[in-house]
Every structure is written in structure tokens, then in C-alpha cells.
Amino acid sequence: MAPRSESNVLELNLATNGHIPTKTLRITTRKTCGEGSKTGDRFQMRIHKRLIDLYGPSEVVKQSTSISTEPGAEVEVTIADA
């Protein structure tokens, strides 16, 4: 989530959990095929996740979840009846 949405949640005095450990995917490949040069490339992709538990009236929770996100960001909302 965007930092501004996390600050909006904090302004509403709702409880939040922090970060989930960053998952790093790594790939090491050879630059050339066959028995040529022994050079290689290393690539990595980092996946950042956040878990935010909102405890409060349903109106406040709906207001805080109606945010716009950046392209490529996935947001999953689960509402559990207490």
C-alpha cells in the first residue's frame, strides 16, 4: 500500500500490523551459450507485502479501503464478521 494510505489509517486511530518479510527471488544465468566466456548475470526481484488489520466501525473501514493504488499493486480486502 502507498505510504499515504498507511498514514490515513493511523489518523483514524485503527490498529495496524506491520510489514511481512520481503521475499527475494534470485536467478543467476550465463551470458553466453556453450563453452564460451564464463561470465554471468544476476537478477533479483523483491516482493514487498503489508498486512493491515482494521478494527473499527464498518463505515470507517469502508472509507479507509476506498483508496487508489499504483498500477501493478494488488490489494486484497477481507471483511470478517466478529
Protein backbone atom coordinates (compact mmCIF):
# COMPACT_ATOMS: atom_id res chain seq x y z
CA MET A 1 0.00 0.00 0.00
CA ALA A 2 1.05 3.55 -0.51
CA PRO A 3 2.58 5.37 2.48
CA ARG A 4 -0.23 7.93 2.40
CA SER A 5 -2.86 5.23 2.88
CA GLU A 6 -1.00 3.89 5.91
CA SER A 7 -0.94 7.39 7.38
CA ASN A 8 -4.69 7.71 6.69
CA VAL A 9 -5.26 4.53 8.69
CA LEU A 10 -3.18 5.88 11.56
CA GLU A 11 -5.14 9.16 11.54
CA LEU A 12 -8.37 7.19 12.04
CA ASN A 13 -6.90 5.51 15.18
CA LEU A 14 -7.21 1.99 13.76
CA ALA A 15 -4.93 -0.89 14.74
CA THR A 16 -2.37 -1.99 12.15
CA ASN A 17 0.13 -4.81 11.87
CA GLY A 18 3.48 -4.13 10.28
CA HIS A 19 5.49 -5.49 7.44
CA ILE A 20 5.72 -9.07 6.25
CA PRO A 21 9.32 -10.15 5.47
CA THR A 22 10.43 -9.23 1.94
CA LYS A 23 10.65 -12.22 -0.40
CA THR A 24 13.67 -12.05 -2.72
CA LEU A 25 13.73 -14.19 -5.86
CA ARG A 26 17.20 -14.61 -7.41
CA ILE A 27 18.29 -16.01 -10.78
CA THR A 28 21.91 -16.46 -11.91
CA THR A 29 22.42 -17.10 -15.64
CA ARG A 30 25.31 -17.47 -18.07
CA LYS A 31 25.70 -14.58 -20.53
CA THR A 32 26.82 -16.83 -23.36
CA CYS A 33 25.79 -20.26 -24.50
CA GLY A 34 28.13 -23.23 -24.89
CA GLU A 35 31.69 -23.24 -23.56
CA GLY A 36 32.50 -19.62 -24.39
CA SER A 37 33.02 -16.94 -21.79
CA LYS A 38 32.44 -17.91 -18.17
CA THR A 39 30.66 -14.64 -17.33
CA GLY A 40 27.20 -14.50 -15.85
CA ASP A 41 24.39 -12.17 -14.91
CA ARG A 42 22.49 -11.99 -11.64
CA PHE A 43 18.89 -10.81 -11.46
CA GLN A 44 16.63 -10.42 -8.48
CA MET A 45 13.03 -9.44 -7.82
CA ARG A 46 11.84 -8.27 -4.41
CA ILE A 47 8.24 -8.79 -3.32
CA HIS A 48 7.03 -6.45 -0.56
CA LYS A 49 3.82 -7.22 1.32
CA ARG A 50 1.96 -5.38 4.05
CA LEU A 51 -0.70 -6.70 6.38
CA ILE A 52 -3.08 -4.18 7.89
CA ASP A 53 -5.81 -5.33 10.27
CA LEU A 54 -8.51 -2.73 10.73
CA TYR A 55 -10.66 -2.86 13.84
CA GLY A 56 -13.41 -0.30 13.94
CA PRO A 57 -16.88 0.62 12.73
CA SER A 58 -17.73 -0.66 9.26
CA GLU A 59 -18.17 2.89 7.90
CA VAL A 60 -14.61 3.81 8.88
CA VAL A 61 -13.19 0.58 7.45
CA LYS A 62 -15.01 1.11 4.13
CA GLN A 63 -13.74 4.69 3.99
CA SER A 64 -10.12 3.63 4.56
CA THR A 65 -10.26 0.81 1.97
CA SER A 66 -11.56 3.05 -0.83
CA ILE A 67 -8.08 4.19 -1.89
CA SER A 68 -6.42 4.39 -5.27
CA THR A 69 -3.32 2.24 -5.79
CA GLU A 70 -0.41 2.38 -8.19
CA PRO A 71 -0.50 0.22 -11.34
CA GLY A 72 0.86 -3.23 -10.58
CA ALA A 73 -0.10 -3.14 -6.91
CA GLU A 74 -2.54 -5.79 -5.74
CA VAL A 75 -4.90 -5.14 -2.83
CA GLU A 76 -6.93 -7.87 -1.16
CA VAL A 77 -9.68 -6.91 1.28
CA THR A 78 -11.32 -9.47 3.57
CA ILE A 79 -14.12 -8.46 5.91
CA ALA A 80 -14.75 -10.88 8.77
CA ASP A 81 -17.84 -10.70 10.94
CA ALA A 82 -16.85 -10.54 14.59
